[in-house]
Amino acid sequence: MIMHAGEILKRRGLLSDEQLTKSRNHDVSGVVQAAISLGFVEERQALQALAEEVGLDYVDLRETDVDLKALDGFPQKLIYRQSLFPIGFDGDSIVVATSDPLDLYPLDEASAATSRNIVPVVAERSEIARLMNRHLGVGSETVEGLMAAKSDEEVELLEQIESDGSELSEMAQEASVVRLVNEILLEAIQSRASDIHIESQSKGLIIRYRIDGILHPQPTPPEINRFQAAITSRLKIMARLNIAEKRLPQDGRIKLRVHGRDVDIRLSVIPMIHGESIVMRVLDKSAMVFDLGSLGMSKEIYSKFSEIIEYPHGIVLVTGPTGSGKTTTLYSSLLQIQSPETKIITTEDPVEYQLDGINQIQVHSKIGLTFANSLRSILRHDPDIVLVGEIRDLETAENAIQASLTGHLVFSTLHTNDAAGAFTRMSDMGVEPFLVAGTVEAVMAQRLIRRLCVHCKESFTPDRNEMPPDFPWDRLNGQPIYRSVGCRECRNVGYTGRMGIYELLVANDEIRQMAMERTSSWEIRKVAVKAGMRTLRMDAWDKVVAGDTSVDELLRVTKGEAL
């Protein structure tokens, strides 16, 4: 914005003299944007003040219906370069949203290009950008090649990348391709995506983000398909992979800084029928909080599990499918029991988050540094507590058991459907049943379930004919439960964030005897429930009754059970 915008905000009491001076000296284009980025004023307040000053209406685009017909014939270069977006009509005039009400030249240019009068309204820059991505597609800005270069790079690589000088490498380093890839990454991070899927299909490139466990397709313009090879090559270069190898799968890692936040991205490239497909796991370090008490455990499970992780020796297992939050639970457990008197060593593949005060080993199977080999070496470093990323084979299982028998507390993960299955799974690996029975102290099975958006969740009285047979009617006492609706705060999904549901099996004498006799997991499960274990399904019902999640989400994550 032009310079006197800051004076307007100062006159209206939104900026002090000192704040105005700092905003003018800040390395951001425009005083108002600088004041917003420094936290002196909220964007909504600033834009409302400027709109009122020049006699324009301020609109909330999240609450505004957009007439896409207004896009017909509207010059896209103005949308991208000037952050304008046509949102509808006022008679024969086009209503155009702008985040810069004091700059009239782009509006005049739009009027000349469309041969129509322009009715400007003021809206937040981020909401205009959201409309661009939603209606013109992720990456459309760069595809058109119309995005002005920015002085403040939003996505910064923390490691220097190298080019091999090939034609493919040079194409991947072009400014438009770099901006396109950065935009895909930035949009995913801002959307709280845990994974980015870039898939090669017969119809072209498809981009999907996994948000709160659900894949959401992203609109992309058809023109992005001609950038497919360049996008793949750019990501390979960023992850230090071989861009010439297109026949074999490759795995790599990208370290970024986005708006001052460190973000790690684990990248996997696999050749498919129609070209290479890429999946990236996004690890936003600043967004992670490893607090065992805030993961969603009930008071009873939290209290018992907190007691178990203080045991002097034994094995504590956390089970569940990929992406069920096992690593978060284990990290939170380690940080809760960490102290200067305790030495903790982990062996992981890969090390997802670096924890202060904890010694972490990165497994490298190609050079022989496996879980089993590293675990043998760990025991020579006099640890008190050991974390093994995953028990995958007999050798690792035997070493973990040996560590527990020699006075160490061992944490690890297994891939089983429930807690009881951990005993039979280890026996199936070849571990002697009496060793499993004697060392496994507890097994925590878990899943992640989406939280209902607190801004729009809707209460209702359940109908007996529509609810599952195991619905806990006796616990309602006439109170309602909630279902998802969707609003601007949750991007019309109805859910925001996730929480865990847990099943904690504590080994008692009867369960140890059954494990030693290789009894089926089904029988072990029945005995555990009789002893007081609450299953995943029961824990999920608790969260439905408490209003934290919905019946639909419970049915998506858990299956019915007959005990």
Protein backbone atom coordinates (compact mmCIF):
# COMPACT_ATOMS: atom_id res chain seq x y z
CA MET A 1 0.00 0.00 0.00
CA ILE A 2 1.05 3.58 -0.47
CA MET A 3 2.80 5.31 2.39
CA HIS A 4 -0.02 7.42 3.82
CA ALA A 5 -1.95 4.24 4.72
CA GLY A 6 0.16 4.09 7.87
CA GLU A 7 -0.88 7.63 8.78
CA ILE A 8 -4.52 6.61 8.48
CA LEU A 9 -4.02 3.75 10.92
CA LYS A 10 -2.12 6.04 13.27
CA ARG A 11 -4.87 8.67 13.17
CA ARG A 12 -7.46 6.02 13.97
CA GLY A 13 -5.49 4.85 17.00
CA LEU A 14 -4.42 1.51 15.53
CA LEU A 15 -0.71 2.38 15.39
CA SER A 16 1.52 4.42 17.69
CA ASP A 17 4.33 6.67 16.43
CA GLU A 18 6.89 4.05 17.40
CA GLN A 19 4.98 1.25 15.69
CA LEU A 20 4.57 3.32 12.54
CA THR A 21 8.32 3.98 12.43
CA LYS A 22 9.13 0.30 12.92
CA SER A 23 6.64 -0.65 10.21
CA ARG A 24 8.24 1.75 7.74
CA ASN A 25 11.69 0.30 8.47
CA HIS A 26 10.55 -3.31 8.29
CA ASP A 27 11.64 -5.32 5.27
CA VAL A 28 8.14 -5.99 3.96
CA SER A 29 6.42 -4.43 0.97
CA GLY A 30 4.06 -1.78 2.34
CA VAL A 31 3.64 -0.19 5.76
CA VAL A 32 0.31 -1.86 6.49
CA GLN A 33 1.56 -5.35 5.61
CA ALA A 34 4.62 -4.66 7.78
CA ALA A 35 2.45 -3.59 10.72
CA ILE A 36 0.35 -6.74 10.31
CA SER A 37 3.38 -9.04 10.12
CA LEU A 38 4.90 -7.39 13.21
CA GLY A 39 1.70 -8.00 15.15
CA PHE A 40 0.89 -4.32 15.73
CA VAL A 41 -2.56 -4.57 14.18
CA GLU A 42 -4.86 -7.32 12.93
CA GLU A 43 -5.43 -7.42 9.18
CA ARG A 44 -9.19 -7.23 9.60
CA GLN A 45 -8.95 -4.08 11.77
CA ALA A 46 -6.52 -2.40 9.40
CA LEU A 47 -8.56 -3.12 6.28
CA GLN A 48 -11.83 -2.08 7.90
CA ALA A 49 -10.26 1.24 8.89
CA LEU A 50 -8.86 1.85 5.39
CA ALA A 51 -12.14 0.82 3.74
CA GLU A 52 -14.08 3.22 5.92
CA GLU A 53 -11.57 5.98 5.14
CA VAL A 54 -12.14 5.72 1.40
CA GLY A 55 -15.86 4.87 1.59
CA LEU A 56 -15.72 1.21 0.53
CA ASP A 57 -17.44 -1.83 1.99
CA TYR A 58 -15.43 -4.44 3.87
CA VAL A 59 -16.53 -8.04 3.15
CA ASP A 60 -15.72 -11.36 4.80
CA LEU A 61 -15.12 -13.67 1.85
CA ARG A 62 -15.67 -16.73 4.04
CA GLU A 63 -19.30 -15.62 4.40
CA THR A 64 -19.73 -14.39 0.82
CA ASP A 65 -21.16 -16.38 -2.08
CA VAL A 66 -18.91 -16.00 -5.12
CA ASP A 67 -20.45 -15.84 -8.59
CA LEU A 68 -17.86 -17.60 -10.76
CA LYS A 69 -19.38 -16.07 -13.89
CA ALA A 70 -17.57 -12.88 -12.91
CA LEU A 71 -14.28 -14.63 -13.76
CA ASP A 72 -15.25 -14.86 -17.44
CA GLY A 73 -13.15 -12.39 -19.37
CA PHE A 74 -11.49 -10.98 -16.25
CA PRO A 75 -7.70 -10.65 -16.86
CA GLN A 76 -5.90 -13.29 -14.79
CA LYS A 77 -2.73 -11.23 -14.62
CA LEU A 78 -4.59 -8.74 -12.41
CA ILE A 79 -5.82 -11.53 -10.16
CA TYR A 80 -2.28 -12.76 -9.53
CA ARG A 81 -0.18 -9.62 -9.69
CA GLN A 82 -2.55 -7.31 -7.85
CA SER A 83 -4.44 -9.77 -5.59
CA LEU A 84 -7.81 -8.87 -7.08
CA PHE A 85 -10.69 -11.31 -7.33
CA PRO A 86 -14.07 -10.74 -9.02
CA ILE A 87 -16.80 -12.06 -6.72
CA GLY A 88 -20.04 -11.09 -8.44
CA PHE A 89 -22.09 -8.40 -10.16
CA ASP A 90 -23.86 -5.21 -9.17
CA GLY A 91 -26.12 -4.60 -12.15
CA ASP A 92 -23.75 -4.36 -15.11
CA SER A 93 -20.76 -3.66 -12.88
CA ILE A 94 -18.31 -6.27 -11.59
CA VAL A 95 -17.75 -6.46 -7.83
CA VAL A 96 -14.03 -6.96 -7.24
CA ALA A 97 -12.35 -7.80 -3.90
CA THR A 98 -9.04 -6.10 -3.20
CA SER A 99 -6.75 -6.00 -0.17
CA ASP A 100 -5.33 -2.60 -1.19
CA PRO A 101 -8.18 -0.03 -1.24
CA LEU A 102 -5.78 2.90 -1.70
CA ASP A 103 -4.27 1.63 -4.97
CA LEU A 104 -6.81 2.49 -7.68
CA TYR A 105 -4.66 1.83 -10.75
CA PRO A 106 -5.31 -1.98 -10.93
CA LEU A 107 -9.05 -1.32 -10.61
CA ASP A 108 -8.90 1.15 -13.50
CA GLU A 109 -6.93 -1.40 -15.50
CA ALA A 110 -9.58 -4.05 -14.78
CA SER A 111 -12.33 -1.67 -15.88
CA ALA A 112 -10.54 -0.95 -19.15
CA ALA A 113 -9.88 -4.65 -19.82
CA THR A 114 -13.47 -5.75 -19.16
CA SER A 115 -15.22 -2.66 -20.54
CA ARG A 116 -17.32 -2.60 -17.36
CA ASN A 117 -17.49 -0.45 -14.27
CA ILE A 118 -15.71 -1.91 -11.26
CA VAL A 119 -17.26 -1.82 -7.77
CA PRO A 120 -14.38 -2.45 -5.35
CA VAL A 121 -14.83 -4.06 -1.94
CA VAL A 122 -12.12 -4.70 0.64
CA ALA A 123 -11.17 -8.19 1.83
CA GLU A 124 -8.27 -9.93 3.55
CA ARG A 125 -5.33 -10.90 1.33
CA SER A 126 -5.31 -14.48 2.69
CA GLU A 127 -8.98 -14.93 1.80
CA ILE A 128 -8.40 -13.65 -1.73
CA ALA A 129 -5.51 -16.15 -2.03
CA ARG A 130 -7.83 -18.91 -0.78
CA LEU A 131 -10.33 -18.10 -3.53
CA MET A 132 -7.54 -18.24 -6.11
CA ASN A 133 -6.50 -21.71 -5.00
CA ARG A 134 -10.05 -22.94 -4.66
CA HIS A 135 -11.44 -21.72 -7.95
CA LEU A 136 -8.36 -21.45 -10.14
CA GLY A 137 -6.42 -24.36 -8.65
CA VAL A 138 -3.26 -24.97 -6.67
CA GLY A 139 -0.34 -23.79 -8.76
CA SER A 140 -2.44 -21.87 -11.27
CA GLU A 141 -0.61 -18.69 -10.41
CA THR A 142 2.73 -20.07 -11.48
CA VAL A 143 1.32 -21.99 -14.42
CA GLU A 144 0.25 -18.71 -15.91
CA GLY A 145 3.69 -17.30 -15.15
CA LEU A 146 2.16 -14.14 -13.81
CA MET A 147 3.22 -14.12 -10.19
CA ALA A 148 5.47 -11.20 -9.35
CA ALA A 149 8.71 -12.24 -7.68
CA LYS A 150 8.59 -11.71 -3.92
CA SER A 151 11.41 -10.20 -1.94
CA ASP A 152 10.48 -12.19 1.18
CA GLU A 153 10.71 -15.88 0.24
CA GLU A 154 7.99 -17.80 2.09
CA VAL A 155 9.61 -21.23 1.66
CA GLU A 156 13.33 -21.41 2.46
CA LEU A 157 15.47 -24.51 1.90
CA LEU A 158 17.77 -25.18 4.85
CA GLU A 159 20.21 -27.27 2.78
CA GLN A 160 22.05 -26.13 -0.32
CA ILE A 161 20.99 -28.01 -3.44
CA GLU A 162 23.14 -28.82 -6.42
CA SER A 163 22.40 -29.05 -10.12
CA ASP A 164 24.07 -31.62 -12.38
CA GLY A 165 23.77 -29.30 -15.37
CA SER A 166 21.39 -31.56 -17.32
CA GLU A 167 18.46 -30.16 -19.26
CA LEU A 168 15.99 -31.74 -16.82
CA SER A 169 17.85 -30.26 -13.86
CA GLU A 170 17.95 -26.79 -15.39
CA MET A 171 14.22 -26.93 -16.18
CA ALA A 172 13.50 -27.86 -12.56
CA GLN A 173 15.43 -24.80 -11.37
CA GLU A 174 13.39 -22.30 -13.40
CA ALA A 175 11.79 -19.61 -11.26
CA SER A 176 8.23 -20.54 -12.27
CA VAL A 177 8.75 -24.20 -11.34
CA VAL A 178 10.37 -23.27 -8.02
CA ARG A 179 7.41 -21.02 -7.16
CA LEU A 180 4.93 -23.70 -8.22
CA VAL A 181 6.49 -26.33 -5.95
CA ASN A 182 6.78 -23.81 -3.11
CA GLU A 183 3.11 -22.95 -3.47
CA ILE A 184 2.09 -26.62 -3.27
CA LEU A 185 4.17 -27.09 -0.12
CA LEU A 186 3.00 -23.83 1.45
CA GLU A 187 -0.68 -24.53 0.84
CA ALA A 188 -0.31 -27.99 2.39
CA ILE A 189 1.42 -26.67 5.51
CA GLN A 190 -1.12 -23.90 5.97
CA SER A 191 -3.91 -26.47 5.60
CA ARG A 192 -2.38 -28.60 8.40
CA ALA A 193 -1.86 -31.47 5.95
CA SER A 194 0.09 -34.47 7.24
CA ASP A 195 0.77 -35.83 3.74
CA ILE A 196 0.96 -34.47 0.19
CA HIS A 197 0.09 -36.85 -2.66
CA ILE A 198 1.20 -35.88 -6.17
CA GLU A 199 -0.08 -38.65 -8.42
CA SER A 200 0.40 -39.34 -12.11
CA GLN A 201 -2.86 -40.50 -13.68
CA SER A 202 -3.97 -41.04 -17.27
CA LYS A 203 -5.81 -37.71 -17.17
CA GLY A 204 -2.80 -35.84 -15.81
CA LEU A 205 -1.49 -34.71 -12.46
CA ILE A 206 -3.64 -35.05 -9.32
CA ILE A 207 -2.74 -33.34 -6.03
CA ARG A 208 -4.32 -34.42 -2.76
CA TYR A 209 -3.68 -33.35 0.83
CA ARG A 210 -4.33 -35.63 3.81
CA ILE A 211 -5.86 -33.45 6.52
CA ASP A 212 -6.89 -35.02 9.84
CA GLY A 213 -6.56 -38.46 8.27
CA ILE A 214 -8.80 -37.79 5.23
CA LEU A 215 -7.55 -37.16 1.69
CA HIS A 216 -8.83 -33.94 0.10
CA PRO A 217 -8.37 -33.46 -3.69
CA GLN A 218 -7.02 -30.04 -4.64
CA PRO A 219 -8.28 -28.27 -7.77
CA THR A 220 -5.53 -27.90 -10.34
CA PRO A 221 -5.61 -26.25 -13.78
CA PRO A 222 -5.07 -28.51 -16.82
CA GLU A 223 -1.98 -26.48 -17.75
CA ILE A 224 -0.14 -27.90 -14.73
CA ASN A 225 0.29 -31.22 -16.58
CA ARG A 226 3.03 -29.83 -18.79
CA PHE A 227 5.00 -29.07 -15.62
CA GLN A 228 4.73 -32.64 -14.35
CA ALA A 229 8.33 -33.67 -15.14
CA ALA A 230 9.68 -30.38 -13.80
CA ILE A 231 7.73 -30.69 -10.53
CA THR A 232 9.02 -34.23 -9.97
CA SER A 233 12.59 -33.22 -10.80
CA ARG A 234 12.44 -30.16 -8.54
CA LEU A 235 11.26 -32.24 -5.58
CA LYS A 236 13.93 -34.87 -6.28
CA ILE A 237 16.62 -32.19 -6.34
CA MET A 238 15.34 -30.72 -3.07
CA ALA A 239 15.52 -34.21 -1.51
CA ARG A 240 18.98 -34.89 -3.02
CA LEU A 241 17.74 -37.83 -5.11
CA ASN A 242 18.84 -39.03 -8.54
CA ILE A 243 16.65 -37.17 -11.04
CA ALA A 244 17.77 -39.42 -13.90
CA GLU A 245 16.51 -42.59 -12.17
CA LYS A 246 12.88 -43.08 -13.11
CA ARG A 247 12.59 -46.87 -12.89
CA LEU A 248 13.21 -47.49 -9.18
CA PRO A 249 11.60 -46.16 -5.97
CA GLN A 250 13.59 -43.53 -4.08
CA ASP A 251 13.29 -42.03 -0.59
CA GLY A 252 14.63 -38.70 0.60
CA ARG A 253 14.20 -35.84 3.01
CA ILE A 254 13.69 -32.09 2.60
CA LYS A 255 14.37 -29.54 5.33
CA LEU A 256 12.46 -26.26 5.01
CA ARG A 257 11.78 -23.10 6.95
CA VAL A 258 8.29 -21.73 6.32
CA HIS A 259 7.42 -18.38 7.89
CA GLY A 260 10.15 -18.96 10.47
CA ARG A 261 8.97 -22.51 11.31
CA ASP A 262 11.22 -25.52 10.70
CA VAL A 263 9.47 -28.21 8.68
CA ASP A 264 10.84 -31.63 7.73
CA ILE A 265 9.40 -33.45 4.72
CA ARG A 266 9.93 -37.17 4.10
CA LEU A 267 9.59 -37.85 0.41
CA SER A 268 8.94 -41.12 -1.41
CA VAL A 269 8.99 -41.45 -5.21
CA ILE A 270 7.59 -44.58 -6.89
CA PRO A 271 7.32 -45.17 -10.66
CA MET A 272 3.74 -45.89 -11.72
CA ILE A 273 2.15 -46.75 -15.07
CA HIS A 274 1.59 -43.11 -16.06
CA GLY A 275 4.75 -41.66 -14.53
CA GLU A 276 6.31 -41.14 -11.14
CA SER A 277 4.06 -40.52 -8.13
CA ILE A 278 5.25 -38.71 -5.02
CA VAL A 279 4.05 -38.86 -1.43
CA MET A 280 5.46 -36.45 1.14
CA ARG A 281 4.99 -36.74 4.91
CA VAL A 282 4.97 -33.26 6.45
CA LEU A 283 6.57 -33.00 9.90
CA ASP A 284 5.89 -29.52 11.26
CA LYS A 285 8.15 -29.37 14.33
CA SER A 286 6.68 -26.17 15.74
CA ALA A 287 3.13 -27.56 15.58
CA MET A 288 3.96 -30.66 17.63
CA VAL A 289 3.45 -30.68 21.39
CA PHE A 290 4.50 -33.90 23.12
CA ASP A 291 2.30 -33.84 26.21
CA LEU A 292 0.92 -37.20 27.31
CA GLY A 293 -1.93 -35.55 29.19
CA SER A 294 -3.29 -33.75 26.13
CA LEU A 295 -3.49 -36.67 23.69
CA GLY A 296 -7.07 -37.58 24.58
CA MET A 297 -6.56 -40.36 27.14
CA SER A 298 -9.25 -40.80 29.77
CA LYS A 299 -8.22 -40.05 33.34
CA GLU A 300 -8.15 -43.76 34.20
CA ILE A 301 -5.96 -44.75 31.24
CA TYR A 302 -3.64 -41.76 31.70
CA SER A 303 -3.20 -42.52 35.38
CA LYS A 304 -2.46 -46.22 34.80
CA PHE A 305 -0.20 -45.64 31.79
CA SER A 306 1.75 -42.96 33.69
CA GLU A 307 2.33 -45.54 36.40
CA ILE A 308 3.45 -48.21 33.91
CA ILE A 309 6.04 -46.02 32.16
CA GLU A 310 7.74 -45.56 35.55
CA TYR A 311 8.42 -49.31 35.84
CA PRO A 312 12.13 -50.18 36.33
CA HIS A 313 12.16 -52.86 33.59
CA GLY A 314 9.96 -54.71 31.15
CA ILE A 315 8.51 -54.06 27.69
CA VAL A 316 5.77 -51.52 26.96
CA LEU A 317 4.27 -51.81 23.46
CA VAL A 318 2.16 -49.33 21.51
CA THR A 319 0.24 -50.85 18.59
CA GLY A 320 -1.80 -49.53 15.70
CA PRO A 321 -1.65 -48.95 11.95
CA THR A 322 0.61 -46.41 10.25
CA GLY A 323 -0.44 -42.86 11.10
CA SER A 324 -2.28 -43.75 14.30
CA GLY A 325 -0.10 -41.56 16.54
CA LYS A 326 2.15 -44.26 18.03
CA THR A 327 5.32 -42.15 17.75
CA THR A 328 3.61 -39.17 19.41
CA THR A 329 2.52 -41.35 22.33
CA LEU A 330 6.02 -42.80 22.74
CA TYR A 331 7.77 -39.42 22.51
CA SER A 332 5.30 -37.94 25.01
CA SER A 333 5.96 -40.86 27.37
CA LEU A 334 9.73 -40.40 27.16
CA LEU A 335 9.51 -36.68 27.82
CA GLN A 336 7.25 -37.27 30.83
CA ILE A 337 9.73 -39.64 32.52
CA GLN A 338 12.89 -37.87 31.32
CA SER A 339 15.18 -36.59 34.08
CA PRO A 340 18.90 -35.79 34.57
CA GLU A 341 19.24 -39.09 36.47
CA THR A 342 17.91 -41.18 33.59
CA LYS A 343 19.67 -42.04 30.33
CA ILE A 344 17.32 -42.60 27.40
CA ILE A 345 18.47 -43.93 24.01
CA THR A 346 16.24 -44.47 20.98
CA THR A 347 16.79 -46.25 17.68
CA GLU A 348 14.35 -45.10 14.99
CA ASP A 349 13.67 -45.36 11.28
CA PRO A 350 13.51 -42.49 10.64
CA VAL A 351 14.08 -40.06 13.52
CA GLU A 352 10.94 -37.95 13.03
CA TYR A 353 11.50 -35.31 15.72
CA GLN A 354 14.68 -34.42 17.59
CA LEU A 355 14.14 -34.42 21.36
CA ASP A 356 16.41 -32.44 23.68
CA GLY A 357 18.11 -34.53 26.35
CA ILE A 358 17.39 -37.85 24.59
CA ASN A 359 20.01 -39.77 22.56
CA GLN A 360 18.55 -40.76 19.19
CA ILE A 361 19.98 -43.15 16.59
CA GLN A 362 18.96 -43.13 12.93
CA VAL A 363 18.71 -46.66 11.50
CA HIS A 364 20.56 -47.27 8.20
CA SER A 365 19.66 -50.75 6.97
CA LYS A 366 21.75 -50.44 3.79
CA ILE A 367 24.97 -50.27 5.80
CA GLY A 368 23.88 -52.85 8.36
CA LEU A 369 22.70 -50.51 11.11
CA THR A 370 19.40 -52.26 11.76
CA PHE A 371 17.13 -52.09 14.81
CA ALA A 372 18.65 -55.33 16.08
CA ASN A 373 22.28 -54.31 15.55
CA SER A 374 21.83 -50.85 17.02
CA LEU A 375 19.97 -52.30 20.01
CA ARG A 376 22.93 -54.56 20.81
CA SER A 377 25.25 -51.53 20.76
CA ILE A 378 22.84 -49.40 22.80
CA LEU A 379 23.06 -51.79 25.75
CA ARG A 380 26.82 -51.10 25.98
CA HIS A 381 26.05 -47.41 26.54
CA ASP A 382 24.51 -48.00 29.97
CA PRO A 383 20.94 -46.79 29.25
CA ASP A 384 18.05 -46.86 31.71
CA ILE A 385 15.32 -46.63 29.09
CA VAL A 386 15.43 -47.80 25.46
CA LEU A 387 13.00 -47.01 22.65
CA VAL A 388 13.02 -49.30 19.60
CA GLY A 389 11.12 -47.70 16.73
CA GLU A 390 9.46 -50.96 15.68
CA ILE A 391 9.79 -54.67 16.41
CA ARG A 392 9.81 -56.02 12.86
CA ASP A 393 11.56 -59.38 13.13
CA LEU A 394 12.68 -62.14 15.48
CA GLU A 395 16.16 -60.73 16.00
CA THR A 396 14.87 -57.32 17.10
CA ALA A 397 12.24 -58.93 19.34
CA GLU A 398 14.82 -61.17 21.02
CA ASN A 399 17.19 -58.25 21.62
CA ALA A 400 14.35 -56.15 23.09
CA ILE A 401 13.43 -59.00 25.42
CA GLN A 402 17.08 -59.46 26.42
CA ALA A 403 17.29 -55.74 27.21
CA SER A 404 14.21 -55.94 29.44
CA LEU A 405 15.56 -59.04 31.22
CA THR A 406 18.81 -57.20 32.03
CA GLY A 407 17.04 -54.41 33.88
CA HIS A 408 15.99 -51.94 31.15
CA LEU A 409 12.59 -50.46 30.40
CA VAL A 410 11.97 -50.95 26.68
CA PHE A 411 9.38 -49.07 24.61
CA SER A 412 8.48 -50.17 21.10
CA THR A 413 5.69 -50.45 18.52
CA LEU A 414 3.98 -53.30 16.72
CA HIS A 415 1.48 -53.40 13.87
CA THR A 416 -1.54 -55.22 15.31
CA ASN A 417 -5.26 -54.48 15.22
CA ASP A 418 -5.73 -54.53 18.98
CA ALA A 419 -3.77 -54.76 22.21
CA ALA A 420 -4.29 -58.50 22.75
CA GLY A 421 -2.85 -59.27 19.33
CA ALA A 422 0.62 -58.14 20.46
CA PHE A 423 1.20 -61.36 22.42
CA THR A 424 0.35 -63.68 19.52
CA ARG A 425 2.21 -61.45 17.06
CA MET A 426 5.49 -61.77 18.97
CA SER A 427 5.00 -65.52 19.36
CA ASP A 428 4.37 -65.80 15.61
CA MET A 429 7.71 -64.07 15.01
CA GLY A 430 9.38 -67.00 16.74
CA VAL A 431 9.88 -65.63 20.25
CA GLU A 432 9.46 -68.22 22.97
CA PRO A 433 6.00 -67.72 24.54
CA PHE A 434 7.39 -67.83 28.10
CA LEU A 435 9.69 -64.88 27.25
CA VAL A 436 6.77 -62.87 25.86
CA ALA A 437 4.68 -63.67 28.93
CA GLY A 438 7.46 -62.75 31.32
CA THR A 439 8.57 -59.42 29.81
CA VAL A 440 5.57 -57.62 28.24
CA GLU A 441 4.09 -55.42 30.97
CA ALA A 442 1.44 -53.56 28.99
CA VAL A 443 0.16 -53.01 25.47
CA MET A 444 -1.51 -49.78 24.35
CA ALA A 445 -3.55 -49.99 21.15
CA GLN A 446 -4.62 -46.67 19.64
CA ARG A 447 -6.27 -44.89 16.72
CA LEU A 448 -6.81 -41.24 15.83
CA ILE A 449 -10.35 -39.86 15.62
CA ARG A 450 -11.34 -36.40 14.38
CA ARG A 451 -12.58 -33.76 16.82
CA LEU A 452 -15.86 -32.01 16.03
CA CYS A 453 -15.46 -28.33 15.20
CA VAL A 454 -16.51 -26.44 18.32
CA HIS A 455 -17.84 -23.55 16.21
CA CYS A 456 -20.42 -25.49 14.23
CA LYS A 457 -21.11 -28.89 15.81
CA GLU A 458 -24.85 -29.49 16.09
CA SER A 459 -26.63 -31.22 18.97
CA PHE A 460 -29.36 -33.75 18.24
CA THR A 461 -31.32 -36.48 19.96
CA PRO A 462 -30.34 -39.89 18.55
CA ASP A 463 -32.96 -42.20 17.03
CA ARG A 464 -32.86 -45.78 18.33
CA ASN A 465 -33.49 -47.15 14.82
CA GLU A 466 -30.49 -45.31 13.35
CA MET A 467 -27.84 -45.95 16.00
CA PRO A 468 -25.49 -48.99 16.12
CA PRO A 469 -26.53 -51.90 18.39
CA ASP A 470 -23.80 -51.11 20.95
CA PHE A 471 -24.85 -47.46 21.41
CA PRO A 472 -24.56 -46.64 25.16
CA TRP A 473 -28.15 -45.51 25.75
CA ASP A 474 -27.82 -45.98 29.50
CA ARG A 475 -25.19 -43.25 29.72
CA LEU A 476 -27.04 -40.44 27.94
CA ASN A 477 -29.49 -39.52 30.72
CA GLY A 478 -31.52 -37.51 28.22
CA GLN A 479 -28.56 -35.40 27.07
CA PRO A 480 -27.96 -34.82 23.33
CA ILE A 481 -24.97 -35.91 21.28
CA TYR A 482 -23.36 -33.97 18.45
CA ARG A 483 -22.80 -34.29 14.71
CA SER A 484 -20.70 -32.42 12.17
CA VAL A 485 -22.03 -29.49 10.14
CA GLY A 486 -19.21 -27.41 8.59
CA CYS A 487 -18.37 -23.72 8.78
CA ARG A 488 -15.68 -21.26 7.74
CA GLU A 489 -13.52 -22.09 10.77
CA CYS A 490 -13.19 -25.75 9.78
CA ARG A 491 -13.26 -25.15 5.99
CA ASN A 492 -16.72 -26.72 5.86
CA VAL A 493 -15.38 -30.12 6.92
CA GLY A 494 -17.08 -30.20 10.32
CA TYR A 495 -13.96 -31.35 12.15
CA THR A 496 -10.80 -29.63 13.40
CA GLY A 497 -7.83 -31.63 14.62
CA ARG A 498 -7.69 -35.15 16.01
CA MET A 499 -7.49 -36.94 19.33
CA GLY A 500 -6.55 -40.47 20.32
CA ILE A 501 -8.75 -43.36 21.35
CA TYR A 502 -6.97 -45.93 23.48
CA GLU A 503 -7.12 -49.55 24.63
CA LEU A 504 -4.72 -50.31 27.49
CA LEU A 505 -4.10 -53.98 28.27
CA VAL A 506 -2.11 -54.53 31.48
CA ALA A 507 -0.64 -58.01 31.81
CA ASN A 508 -1.89 -59.87 34.91
CA ASP A 509 -1.17 -63.45 35.99
CA GLU A 510 -4.05 -64.94 33.98
CA ILE A 511 -3.05 -63.10 30.79
CA ARG A 512 0.61 -64.10 31.23
CA GLN A 513 -0.45 -67.75 31.60
CA MET A 514 -2.58 -67.51 28.44
CA ALA A 515 0.31 -65.91 26.53
CA MET A 516 2.63 -68.71 27.63
CA GLU A 517 0.08 -71.29 26.41
CA ARG A 518 -0.21 -69.43 23.05
CA THR A 519 -3.91 -68.80 23.59
CA SER A 520 -5.67 -66.87 20.81
CA SER A 521 -5.77 -63.09 20.96
CA TRP A 522 -9.56 -63.27 21.03
CA GLU A 523 -9.51 -65.22 24.31
CA ILE A 524 -6.87 -62.90 25.80
CA ARG A 525 -9.02 -59.93 24.84
CA LYS A 526 -12.11 -61.32 26.58
CA VAL A 527 -10.14 -61.91 29.78
CA ALA A 528 -8.64 -58.40 29.62
CA VAL A 529 -12.12 -56.83 29.24
CA LYS A 530 -13.37 -58.81 32.25
CA ALA A 531 -10.36 -57.45 34.18
CA GLY A 532 -11.43 -53.88 33.36
CA MET A 533 -9.86 -53.07 29.98
CA ARG A 534 -11.87 -50.61 27.90
CA THR A 535 -11.67 -51.35 24.17
CA LEU A 536 -11.05 -48.83 21.39
CA ARG A 537 -14.77 -48.89 20.59
CA MET A 538 -15.72 -48.23 24.23
CA ASP A 539 -13.26 -45.34 24.45
CA ALA A 540 -14.65 -43.88 21.22
CA TRP A 541 -18.21 -44.06 22.63
CA ASP A 542 -16.97 -42.14 25.68
CA LYS A 543 -15.83 -39.35 23.38
CA VAL A 544 -19.12 -39.37 21.47
CA VAL A 545 -21.11 -39.03 24.70
CA ALA A 546 -18.76 -36.24 25.85
CA GLY A 547 -19.46 -34.32 22.61
CA ASP A 548 -15.88 -34.50 21.33
CA THR A 549 -16.61 -36.50 18.19
CA SER A 550 -19.52 -37.89 16.16
CA VAL A 551 -21.10 -41.30 15.66
CA ASP A 552 -20.12 -41.16 11.97
CA GLU A 553 -16.48 -40.71 12.93
CA LEU A 554 -16.69 -43.58 15.42
CA LEU A 555 -18.07 -45.87 12.72
CA ARG A 556 -15.30 -44.81 10.32
CA VAL A 557 -12.47 -45.58 12.74
CA THR A 558 -13.71 -48.55 14.81
CA LYS A 559 -15.64 -51.72 14.12
CA GLY A 560 -18.45 -53.29 16.11
CA GLU A 561 -17.54 -55.89 18.70
CA ALA A 562 -19.26 -58.72 20.49
CA LEU A 563 -17.73 -59.61 23.85
